[in-house]
Amino acid sequence: MKTNLIPTSKLGKWSVGLNAFFLVAVATSCVLVLVLKILNFDDHWWDVTVAVSFPASIIALITGIVAVRKYEERSVLVYLSIFVGVCTILFLLLHSLFIND
C-alpha cells in the first residue's frame, strides 16, 4: 500500500480541487474584510461566497470518500480534503447554535 501526495484518480483530483477552491474563496474573503477592510461580512457578497464555496466543500467531501472507497485512492491530499469537508459540515451544524440574530 503506497501513499502518494497527489491523487491519481479523477474523483480524487476533483475532491482536492474543490476544497482548494473553498479554501481560497474563504481566505480571500477574510483578507478583504479583516485585513484590507474593503468589504463587510454584512454585505450580500458574503452570502454569495458562502452559497457557492460551502457546497463545493461538501461535494469535495463526498467525492473524496467515493475516491477512497471505490477507487482505493490513498493520497494525502484526498485525506486532507475529507478532513476539511468534515470540518465544514461540523461548522455548519454547530454554527447555528451560536447565532445571535
PDB file of N, CA and C in Angstrom:
ATOM      1  N   MET A   1       0.849  -1.170   0.000  1.00  0.00           N
ATOM      2  CA  MET A   1       0.000   0.000   0.000  1.00  0.00           C
ATOM      3  C   MET A   1       0.901   1.242   0.000  1.00  0.00           C
ATOM      4  N   LYS A   2       0.912   1.916  -1.135  1.00  0.00           N
ATOM      5  CA  LYS A   2       1.743   3.103  -1.282  1.00  0.00           C
ATOM      6  C   LYS A   2       0.880   4.353  -1.151  1.00  0.00           C
ATOM      7  N   THR A   3       1.361   5.318  -0.383  1.00  0.00           N
ATOM      8  CA  THR A   3       0.649   6.571  -0.196  1.00  0.00           C
ATOM      9  C   THR A   3       1.359   7.667  -0.974  1.00  0.00           C
ATOM     10  N   ASN A   4       0.606   8.341  -1.860  1.00  0.00           N
ATOM     11  CA  ASN A   4       1.132   9.447  -2.646  1.00  0.00           C
ATOM     12  C   ASN A   4       0.672  10.768  -2.059  1.00  0.00           C
ATOM     13  N   LEU A   5       1.294  11.834  -2.502  1.00  0.00           N
ATOM     14  CA  LEU A   5       0.854  13.164  -2.102  1.00  0.00           C
ATOM     15  C   LEU A   5      -0.266  13.648  -3.018  1.00  0.00           C
ATOM     16  N   ILE A   6      -0.097  13.449  -4.316  1.00  0.00           N
ATOM     17  CA  ILE A   6      -1.054  13.920  -5.313  1.00  0.00           C
ATOM     18  C   ILE A   6      -1.982  12.772  -5.705  1.00  0.00           C
ATOM     19  N   PRO A   7      -3.287  13.034  -5.799  1.00  0.00           N
ATOM     20  CA  PRO A   7      -4.219  11.960  -6.151  1.00  0.00           C
ATOM     21  C   PRO A   7      -4.029  11.477  -7.587  1.00  0.00           C
ATOM     22  N   THR A   8      -4.370  10.216  -7.817  1.00  0.00           N
ATOM     23  CA  THR A   8      -4.242   9.630  -9.150  1.00  0.00           C
ATOM     24  C   THR A   8      -5.591   9.462  -9.832  1.00  0.00           C
ATOM     25  N   SER A   9      -6.657   9.300  -9.072  1.00  0.00           N
ATOM     26  CA  SER A   9      -7.973   9.111  -9.686  1.00  0.00           C
ATOM     27  C   SER A   9      -8.612  10.459 -10.013  1.00  0.00           C
ATOM     28  N   LYS A  10      -9.570  10.416 -10.937  1.00  0.00           N
ATOM     29  CA  LYS A  10     -10.259  11.635 -11.354  1.00  0.00           C
ATOM     30  C   LYS A  10     -11.077  12.239 -10.208  1.00  0.00           C
ATOM     31  N   LEU A  11     -11.753  11.378  -9.448  1.00  0.00           N
ATOM     32  CA  LEU A  11     -12.546  11.877  -8.318  1.00  0.00           C
ATOM     33  C   LEU A  11     -11.663  12.448  -7.221  1.00  0.00           C
ATOM     34  N   GLY A  12     -10.496  11.864  -7.026  1.00  0.00           N
ATOM     35  CA  GLY A  12      -9.566  12.409  -6.045  1.00  0.00           C
ATOM     36  C   GLY A  12      -9.088  13.796  -6.437  1.00  0.00           C
ATOM     37  N   LYS A  13      -8.821  13.986  -7.720  1.00  0.00           N
ATOM     38  CA  LYS A  13      -8.394  15.301  -8.205  1.00  0.00           C
ATOM     39  C   LYS A  13      -9.515  16.321  -8.068  1.00  0.00           C
ATOM     40  N   TRP A  14     -10.741  15.914  -8.343  1.00  0.00           N
ATOM     41  CA  TRP A  14     -11.886  16.809  -8.170  1.00  0.00           C
ATOM     42  C   TRP A  14     -12.055  17.190  -6.702  1.00  0.00           C
ATOM     43  N   SER A  15     -11.887  16.231  -5.827  1.00  0.00           N
ATOM     44  CA  SER A  15     -12.032  16.497  -4.395  1.00  0.00           C
ATOM     45  C   SER A  15     -11.009  17.524  -3.926  1.00  0.00           C
ATOM     46  N   VAL A  16      -9.768  17.346  -4.307  1.00  0.00           N
ATOM     47  CA  VAL A  16      -8.713  18.273  -3.910  1.00  0.00           C
ATOM     48  C   VAL A  16      -8.944  19.648  -4.549  1.00  0.00           C
ATOM     49  N   GLY A  17      -9.347  19.678  -5.804  1.00  0.00           N
ATOM     50  CA  GLY A  17      -9.587  20.949  -6.489  1.00  0.00           C
ATOM     51  C   GLY A  17     -10.739  21.733  -5.898  1.00  0.00           C
ATOM     52  N   LEU A  18     -11.825  21.055  -5.567  1.00  0.00           N
ATOM     53  CA  LEU A  18     -12.978  21.742  -4.981  1.00  0.00           C
ATOM     54  C   LEU A  18     -12.655  22.291  -3.594  1.00  0.00           C
ATOM     55  N   ASN A  19     -11.907  21.532  -2.817  1.00  0.00           N
ATOM     56  CA  ASN A  19     -11.550  22.046  -1.498  1.00  0.00           C
ATOM     57  C   ASN A  19     -10.507  23.148  -1.592  1.00  0.00           C
ATOM     58  N   ALA A  20      -9.653  23.115  -2.589  1.00  0.00           N
ATOM     59  CA  ALA A  20      -8.719  24.223  -2.803  1.00  0.00           C
ATOM     60  C   ALA A  20      -9.499  25.487  -3.155  1.00  0.00           C
ATOM     61  N   PHE A  21     -10.522  25.353  -4.009  1.00  0.00           N
ATOM     62  CA  PHE A  21     -11.391  26.492  -4.329  1.00  0.00           C
ATOM     63  C   PHE A  21     -12.061  27.029  -3.065  1.00  0.00           C
ATOM     64  N   PHE A  22     -12.577  26.142  -2.232  1.00  0.00           N
ATOM     65  CA  PHE A  22     -13.227  26.546  -0.987  1.00  0.00           C
ATOM     66  C   PHE A  22     -12.267  27.330  -0.091  1.00  0.00           C
ATOM     67  N   LEU A  23     -11.072  26.799   0.105  1.00  0.00           N
ATOM     68  CA  LEU A  23     -10.111  27.457   0.989  1.00  0.00           C
ATOM     69  C   LEU A  23      -9.651  28.796   0.442  1.00  0.00           C
ATOM     70  N   VAL A  24      -9.447  28.888  -0.863  1.00  0.00           N
ATOM     71  CA  VAL A  24      -9.035  30.152  -1.472  1.00  0.00           C
ATOM     72  C   VAL A  24     -10.150  31.189  -1.371  1.00  0.00           C
ATOM     73  N   ALA A  25     -11.392  30.777  -1.617  1.00  0.00           N
ATOM     74  CA  ALA A  25     -12.518  31.711  -1.552  1.00  0.00           C
ATOM     75  C   ALA A  25     -12.713  32.251  -0.134  1.00  0.00           C
ATOM     76  N   VAL A  26     -12.649  31.387   0.857  1.00  0.00           N
ATOM     77  CA  VAL A  26     -12.842  31.829   2.239  1.00  0.00           C
ATOM     78  C   VAL A  26     -11.657  32.683   2.701  1.00  0.00           C
ATOM     79  N   ALA A  27     -10.444  32.283   2.351  1.00  0.00           N
ATOM     80  CA  ALA A  27      -9.269  33.066   2.752  1.00  0.00           C
ATOM     81  C   ALA A  27      -9.269  34.442   2.097  1.00  0.00           C
ATOM     82  N   THR A  28      -9.617  34.511   0.814  1.00  0.00           N
ATOM     83  CA  THR A  28      -9.688  35.799   0.128  1.00  0.00           C
ATOM     84  C   THR A  28     -10.751  36.690   0.756  1.00  0.00           C
ATOM     85  N   SER A  29     -11.891  36.122   1.078  1.00  0.00           N
ATOM     86  CA  SER A  29     -12.959  36.890   1.711  1.00  0.00           C
ATOM     87  C   SER A  29     -12.526  37.427   3.062  1.00  0.00           C
ATOM     88  N   CYS A  30     -11.863  36.608   3.858  1.00  0.00           N
ATOM     89  CA  CYS A  30     -11.405  37.056   5.174  1.00  0.00           C
ATOM     90  C   CYS A  30     -10.342  38.139   5.054  1.00  0.00           C
ATOM     91  N   VAL A  31      -9.465  38.030   4.084  1.00  0.00           N
ATOM     92  CA  VAL A  31      -8.453  39.067   3.882  1.00  0.00           C
ATOM     93  C   VAL A  31      -9.117  40.373   3.467  1.00  0.00           C
ATOM     94  N   LEU A  32     -10.100  40.311   2.576  1.00  0.00           N
ATOM     95  CA  LEU A  32     -10.782  41.520   2.127  1.00  0.00           C
ATOM     96  C   LEU A  32     -11.544  42.206   3.255  1.00  0.00           C
ATOM     97  N   VAL A  33     -12.044  41.428   4.204  1.00  0.00           N
ATOM     98  CA  VAL A  33     -12.826  42.012   5.298  1.00  0.00           C
ATOM     99  C   VAL A  33     -11.938  42.411   6.476  1.00  0.00           C
ATOM    100  N   LEU A  34     -11.114  41.503   6.934  1.00  0.00           N
ATOM    101  CA  LEU A  34     -10.392  41.727   8.180  1.00  0.00           C
ATOM    102  C   LEU A  34      -9.091  42.503   8.008  1.00  0.00           C
ATOM    103  N   VAL A  35      -8.396  42.299   6.908  1.00  0.00           N
ATOM    104  CA  VAL A  35      -7.093  42.944   6.735  1.00  0.00           C
ATOM    105  C   VAL A  35      -7.222  44.243   5.947  1.00  0.00           C
ATOM    106  N   LEU A  36      -7.812  44.148   4.759  1.00  0.00           N
ATOM    107  CA  LEU A  36      -7.901  45.324   3.894  1.00  0.00           C
ATOM    108  C   LEU A  36      -9.095  46.220   4.211  1.00  0.00           C
ATOM    109  N   LYS A  37     -10.081  45.685   4.921  1.00  0.00           N
ATOM    110  CA  LYS A  37     -11.296  46.417   5.318  1.00  0.00           C
ATOM    111  C   LYS A  37     -12.010  47.050   4.124  1.00  0.00           C
ATOM    112  N   ILE A  38     -12.001  46.333   3.001  1.00  0.00           N
ATOM    113  CA  ILE A  38     -12.693  46.795   1.800  1.00  0.00           C
ATOM    114  C   ILE A  38     -14.168  46.415   1.863  1.00  0.00           C
ATOM    115  N   LEU A  39     -14.442  45.223   2.337  1.00  0.00           N
ATOM    116  CA  LEU A  39     -15.807  44.706   2.390  1.00  0.00           C
ATOM    117  C   LEU A  39     -16.219  44.481   3.837  1.00  0.00           C
ATOM    118  N   ASN A  40     -17.477  44.079   4.004  1.00  0.00           N
ATOM    119  CA  ASN A  40     -18.039  43.830   5.316  1.00  0.00           C
ATOM    120  C   ASN A  40     -18.774  42.493   5.266  1.00  0.00           C
ATOM    121  N   PHE A  41     -18.764  41.757   6.369  1.00  0.00           N
ATOM    122  CA  PHE A  41     -19.458  40.470   6.401  1.00  0.00           C
ATOM    123  C   PHE A  41     -20.972  40.624   6.288  1.00  0.00           C
ATOM    124  N   ASP A  42     -21.511  41.815   6.519  1.00  0.00           N
ATOM    125  CA  ASP A  42     -22.949  42.032   6.432  1.00  0.00           C
ATOM    126  C   ASP A  42     -23.427  42.283   4.997  1.00  0.00           C
ATOM    127  N   ASP A  43     -22.515  42.407   4.056  1.00  0.00           N
ATOM    128  CA  ASP A  43     -22.886  42.656   2.654  1.00  0.00           C
ATOM    129  C   ASP A  43     -23.384  41.370   2.003  1.00  0.00           C
ATOM    130  N   HIS A  44     -24.012  41.536   0.837  1.00  0.00           N
ATOM    131  CA  HIS A  44     -24.569  40.391   0.120  1.00  0.00           C
ATOM    132  C   HIS A  44     -23.504  39.521  -0.533  1.00  0.00           C
ATOM    133  N   TRP A  45     -22.316  40.046  -0.769  1.00  0.00           N
ATOM    134  CA  TRP A  45     -21.270  39.251  -1.398  1.00  0.00           C
ATOM    135  C   TRP A  45     -20.899  38.068  -0.522  1.00  0.00           C
ATOM    136  N   TRP A  46     -20.977  38.226   0.798  1.00  0.00           N
ATOM    137  CA  TRP A  46     -20.636  37.123   1.695  1.00  0.00           C
ATOM    138  C   TRP A  46     -21.655  35.996   1.559  1.00  0.00           C
ATOM    139  N   ASP A  47     -22.939  36.350   1.371  1.00  0.00           N
ATOM    140  CA  ASP A  47     -23.963  35.330   1.169  1.00  0.00           C
ATOM    141  C   ASP A  47     -23.689  34.519  -0.098  1.00  0.00           C
ATOM    142  N   VAL A  48     -23.275  35.199  -1.153  1.00  0.00           N
ATOM    143  CA  VAL A  48     -22.962  34.509  -2.405  1.00  0.00           C
ATOM    144  C   VAL A  48     -21.713  33.645  -2.245  1.00  0.00           C
ATOM    145  N   THR A  49     -20.713  34.156  -1.555  1.00  0.00           N
ATOM    146  CA  THR A  49     -19.487  33.384  -1.334  1.00  0.00           C
ATOM    147  C   THR A  49     -19.780  32.106  -0.564  1.00  0.00           C
ATOM    148  N   VAL A  50     -20.569  32.212   0.481  1.00  0.00           N
ATOM    149  CA  VAL A  50     -20.915  31.039   1.284  1.00  0.00           C
ATOM    150  C   VAL A  50     -21.781  30.081   0.479  1.00  0.00           C
ATOM    151  N   ALA A  51     -22.722  30.612  -0.291  1.00  0.00           N
ATOM    152  CA  ALA A  51     -23.631  29.767  -1.064  1.00  0.00           C
ATOM    153  C   ALA A  51     -22.908  28.992  -2.158  1.00  0.00           C
ATOM    154  N   VAL A  52     -21.766  29.474  -2.610  1.00  0.00           N
ATOM    155  CA  VAL A  52     -21.019  28.782  -3.666  1.00  0.00           C
ATOM    156  C   VAL A  52     -19.907  27.913  -3.082  1.00  0.00           C
ATOM    157  N   SER A  53     -19.182  28.427  -2.109  1.00  0.00           N
ATOM    158  CA  SER A  53     -17.991  27.711  -1.652  1.00  0.00           C
ATOM    159  C   SER A  53     -18.289  26.587  -0.660  1.00  0.00           C
ATOM    160  N   PHE A  54     -19.248  26.744   0.221  1.00  0.00           N
ATOM    161  CA  PHE A  54     -19.530  25.691   1.183  1.00  0.00           C
ATOM    162  C   PHE A  54     -20.099  24.428   0.530  1.00  0.00           C
ATOM    163  N   PRO A  55     -21.026  24.536  -0.428  1.00  0.00           N
ATOM    164  CA  PRO A  55     -21.427  23.309  -1.131  1.00  0.00           C
ATOM    165  C   PRO A  55     -20.280  22.668  -1.908  1.00  0.00           C
ATOM    166  N   ALA A  56     -19.344  23.475  -2.391  1.00  0.00           N
ATOM    167  CA  ALA A  56     -18.179  22.915  -3.078  1.00  0.00           C
ATOM    168  C   ALA A  56     -17.368  22.052  -2.121  1.00  0.00           C
ATOM    169  N   SER A  57     -17.236  22.478  -0.882  1.00  0.00           N
ATOM    170  CA  SER A  57     -16.502  21.691   0.106  1.00  0.00           C
ATOM    171  C   SER A  57     -17.246  20.406   0.468  1.00  0.00           C
ATOM    172  N   ILE A  58     -18.559  20.474   0.535  1.00  0.00           N
ATOM    173  CA  ILE A  58     -19.346  19.276   0.844  1.00  0.00           C
ATOM    174  C   ILE A  58     -19.290  18.285  -0.315  1.00  0.00           C
ATOM    175  N   ILE A  59     -19.342  18.785  -1.541  1.00  0.00           N
ATOM    176  CA  ILE A  59     -19.195  17.915  -2.712  1.00  0.00           C
ATOM    177  C   ILE A  59     -17.797  17.312  -2.738  1.00  0.00           C
ATOM    178  N   ALA A  60     -16.787  18.087  -2.335  1.00  0.00           N
ATOM    179  CA  ALA A  60     -15.419  17.567  -2.260  1.00  0.00           C
ATOM    180  C   ALA A  60     -15.324  16.444  -1.228  1.00  0.00           C
ATOM    181  N   LEU A  61     -16.030  16.577  -0.130  1.00  0.00           N
ATOM    182  CA  LEU A  61     -16.058  15.514   0.875  1.00  0.00           C
ATOM    183  C   LEU A  61     -16.633  14.234   0.285  1.00  0.00           C
ATOM    184  N   ILE A  62     -17.744  14.359  -0.409  1.00  0.00           N
ATOM    185  CA  ILE A  62     -18.400  13.188  -0.995  1.00  0.00           C
ATOM    186  C   ILE A  62     -17.520  12.540  -2.054  1.00  0.00           C
ATOM    187  N   THR A  63     -16.949  13.338  -2.955  1.00  0.00           N
ATOM    188  CA  THR A  63     -16.089  12.763  -3.993  1.00  0.00           C
ATOM    189  C   THR A  63     -14.820  12.160  -3.394  1.00  0.00           C
ATOM    190  N   GLY A  64     -14.314  12.749  -2.325  1.00  0.00           N
ATOM    191  CA  GLY A  64     -13.147  12.184  -1.653  1.00  0.00           C
ATOM    192  C   GLY A  64     -13.447  10.837  -1.030  1.00  0.00           C
ATOM    193  N   ILE A  65     -14.589  10.730  -0.386  1.00  0.00           N
ATOM    194  CA  ILE A  65     -14.969   9.446   0.224  1.00  0.00           C
ATOM    195  C   ILE A  65     -15.172   8.385  -0.853  1.00  0.00           C
ATOM    196  N   VAL A  66     -15.821   8.750  -1.954  1.00  0.00           N
ATOM    197  CA  VAL A  66     -16.025   7.798  -3.051  1.00  0.00           C
ATOM    198  C   VAL A  66     -14.687   7.387  -3.658  1.00  0.00           C
ATOM    199  N   ALA A  67     -13.767   8.332  -3.801  1.00  0.00           N
ATOM    200  CA  ALA A  67     -12.451   8.015  -4.364  1.00  0.00           C
ATOM    201  C   ALA A  67     -11.686   7.055  -3.467  1.00  0.00           C
ATOM    202  N   VAL A  68     -11.799   7.224  -2.159  1.00  0.00           N
ATOM    203  CA  VAL A  68     -11.100   6.335  -1.238  1.00  0.00           C
ATOM    204  C   VAL A  68     -11.736   4.953  -1.232  1.00  0.00           C
ATOM    205  N   ARG A  69     -13.047   4.893  -1.224  1.00  0.00           N
ATOM    206  CA  ARG A  69     -13.726   3.589  -1.137  1.00  0.00           C
ATOM    207  C   ARG A  69     -13.753   2.831  -2.454  1.00  0.00           C
ATOM    208  N   LYS A  70     -14.153   3.517  -3.523  1.00  0.00           N
ATOM    209  CA  LYS A  70     -14.358   2.815  -4.794  1.00  0.00           C
ATOM    210  C   LYS A  70     -13.063   2.643  -5.579  1.00  0.00           C
ATOM    211  N   TYR A  71     -12.259   3.694  -5.639  1.00  0.00           N
ATOM    212  CA  TYR A  71     -11.054   3.656  -6.459  1.00  0.00           C
ATOM    213  C   TYR A  71      -9.787   3.461  -5.638  1.00  0.00           C
ATOM    214  N   GLU A  72      -9.931   3.208  -4.344  1.00  0.00           N
ATOM    215  CA  GLU A  72      -8.819   2.950  -3.438  1.00  0.00           C
ATOM    216  C   GLU A  72      -7.742   4.026  -3.520  1.00  0.00           C
ATOM    217  N   GLU A  73      -8.194   5.274  -3.509  1.00  0.00           N
ATOM    218  CA  GLU A  73      -7.279   6.417  -3.541  1.00  0.00           C
ATOM    219  C   GLU A  73      -6.591   6.531  -2.183  1.00  0.00           C
ATOM    220  N   ARG A  74      -5.280   6.607  -2.179  1.00  0.00           N
ATOM    221  CA  ARG A  74      -4.512   6.699  -0.937  1.00  0.00           C
ATOM    222  C   ARG A  74      -3.640   7.940  -0.913  1.00  0.00           C
ATOM    223  N   SER A  75      -4.171   9.049  -1.388  1.00  0.00           N
ATOM    224  CA  SER A  75      -3.419  10.291  -1.454  1.00  0.00           C
ATOM    225  C   SER A  75      -3.594  11.097  -0.163  1.00  0.00           C
ATOM    226  N   VAL A  76      -2.510  11.712   0.268  1.00  0.00           N
ATOM    227  CA  VAL A  76      -2.554  12.544   1.468  1.00  0.00           C
ATOM    228  C   VAL A  76      -3.486  13.727   1.254  1.00  0.00           C
ATOM    229  N   LEU A  77      -3.467  14.312   0.065  1.00  0.00           N
ATOM    230  CA  LEU A  77      -4.327  15.468  -0.205  1.00  0.00           C
ATOM    231  C   LEU A  77      -5.814  15.094  -0.197  1.00  0.00           C
ATOM    232  N   VAL A  78      -6.135  13.880  -0.610  1.00  0.00           N
ATOM    233  CA  VAL A  78      -7.539  13.441  -0.569  1.00  0.00           C
ATOM    234  C   VAL A  78      -7.985  13.268   0.873  1.00  0.00           C
ATOM    235  N   TYR A  79      -7.129  12.684   1.697  1.00  0.00           N
ATOM    236  CA  TYR A  79      -7.474  12.561   3.112  1.00  0.00           C
ATOM    237  C   TYR A  79      -7.612  13.936   3.766  1.00  0.00           C
ATOM    238  N   LEU A  80      -6.753  14.860   3.404  1.00  0.00           N
ATOM    239  CA  LEU A  80      -6.861  16.229   3.912  1.00  0.00           C
ATOM    240  C   LEU A  80      -8.148  16.891   3.423  1.00  0.00           C
ATOM    241  N   SER A  81      -8.526  16.612   2.189  1.00  0.00           N
ATOM    242  CA  SER A  81      -9.768  17.138   1.635  1.00  0.00           C
ATOM    243  C   SER A  81     -10.980  16.589   2.388  1.00  0.00           C
ATOM    244  N   ILE A  82     -10.944  15.330   2.729  1.00  0.00           N
ATOM    245  CA  ILE A  82     -12.027  14.733   3.514  1.00  0.00           C
ATOM    246  C   ILE A  82     -12.094  15.389   4.893  1.00  0.00           C
ATOM    247  N   PHE A  83     -10.942  15.626   5.497  1.00  0.00           N
ATOM    248  CA  PHE A  83     -10.906  16.283   6.804  1.00  0.00           C
ATOM    249  C   PHE A  83     -11.503  17.684   6.746  1.00  0.00           C
ATOM    250  N   VAL A  84     -11.139  18.452   5.723  1.00  0.00           N
ATOM    251  CA  VAL A  84     -11.686  19.814   5.575  1.00  0.00           C
ATOM    252  C   VAL A  84     -13.195  19.754   5.350  1.00  0.00           C
ATOM    253  N   GLY A  85     -13.666  18.787   4.574  1.00  0.00           N
ATOM    254  CA  GLY A  85     -15.106  18.629   4.351  1.00  0.00           C
ATOM    255  C   GLY A  85     -15.858  18.293   5.627  1.00  0.00           C
ATOM    256  N   VAL A  86     -15.297  17.439   6.449  1.00  0.00           N
ATOM    257  CA  VAL A  86     -15.924  17.098   7.728  1.00  0.00           C
ATOM    258  C   VAL A  86     -15.947  18.328   8.639  1.00  0.00           C
ATOM    259  N   CYS A  87     -14.857  19.091   8.648  1.00  0.00           N
ATOM    260  CA  CYS A  87     -14.821  20.325   9.446  1.00  0.00           C
ATOM    261  C   CYS A  87     -15.860  21.332   8.951  1.00  0.00           C
ATOM    262  N   THR A  88     -16.078  21.386   7.641  1.00  0.00           N
ATOM    263  CA  THR A  88     -17.092  22.282   7.084  1.00  0.00           C
ATOM    264  C   THR A  88     -18.484  21.885   7.550  1.00  0.00           C
ATOM    265  N   ILE A  89     -18.778  20.608   7.508  1.00  0.00           N
ATOM    266  CA  ILE A  89     -20.096  20.139   7.956  1.00  0.00           C
ATOM    267  C   ILE A  89     -20.272  20.396   9.452  1.00  0.00           C
ATOM    268  N   LEU A  90     -19.237  20.138  10.236  1.00  0.00           N
ATOM    269  CA  LEU A  90     -19.329  20.421  11.675  1.00  0.00           C
ATOM    270  C   LEU A  90     -19.539  21.906  11.932  1.00  0.00           C
ATOM    271  N   PHE A  91     -18.857  22.761  11.161  1.00  0.00           N
ATOM    272  CA  PHE A  91     -19.052  24.199  11.306  1.00  0.00           C
ATOM    273  C   PHE A  91     -20.497  24.579  10.997  1.00  0.00           C
ATOM    274  N   LEU A  92     -21.035  24.055   9.907  1.00  0.00           N
ATOM    275  CA  LEU A  92     -22.414  24.394   9.538  1.00  0.00           C
ATOM    276  C   LEU A  92     -23.408  23.930  10.594  1.00  0.00           C
ATOM    277  N   LEU A  93     -23.189  22.752  11.150  1.00  0.00           N
ATOM    278  CA  LEU A  93     -24.111  22.238  12.163  1.00  0.00           C
ATOM    279  C   LEU A  93     -23.977  22.976  13.491  1.00  0.00           C
ATOM    280  N   LEU A  94     -22.751  23.277  13.900  1.00  0.00           N
ATOM    281  CA  LEU A  94     -22.542  23.909  15.199  1.00  0.00           C
ATOM    282  C   LEU A  94     -22.698  25.426  15.168  1.00  0.00           C
ATOM    283  N   HIS A  95     -22.539  26.015  14.003  1.00  0.00           N
ATOM    284  CA  HIS A  95     -22.650  27.473  13.888  1.00  0.00           C
ATOM    285  C   HIS A  95     -24.060  27.949  14.232  1.00  0.00           C
ATOM    286  N   SER A  96     -25.061  27.164  13.901  1.00  0.00           N
ATOM    287  CA  SER A  96     -26.440  27.573  14.163  1.00  0.00           C
ATOM    288  C   SER A  96     -26.743  27.630  15.663  1.00  0.00           C
ATOM    289  N   LEU A  97     -25.932  26.986  16.472  1.00  0.00           N
ATOM    290  CA  LEU A  97     -26.152  27.045  17.920  1.00  0.00           C
ATOM    291  C   LEU A  97     -25.746  28.390  18.514  1.00  0.00           C
ATOM    292  N   PHE A  98     -24.885  29.128  17.807  1.00  0.00           N
ATOM    293  CA  PHE A  98     -24.324  30.349  18.380  1.00  0.00           C
ATOM    294  C   PHE A  98     -24.684  31.603  17.599  1.00  0.00           C
ATOM    295  N   ILE A  99     -25.701  31.561  16.752  1.00  0.00           N
ATOM    296  CA  ILE A  99     -26.121  32.732  16.019  1.00  0.00           C
ATOM    297  C   ILE A  99     -26.921  33.649  16.955  1.00  0.00           C
ATOM    298  N   ASN A 100     -26.596  34.921  16.947  1.00  0.00           N
ATOM    299  CA  ASN A 100     -27.262  35.882  17.833  1.00  0.00           C
ATOM    300  C   ASN A 100     -28.049  36.905  17.015  1.00  0.00           C
ATOM    301  N   ASP A 101     -28.971  36.461  16.191  1.00  0.00           N
ATOM    302  CA  ASP A 101     -29.782  37.395  15.384  1.00  0.00           C
ATOM    303  C   ASP A 101     -30.956  37.906  16.144  1.00  0.00           C
TER     304      ASP A 101
END
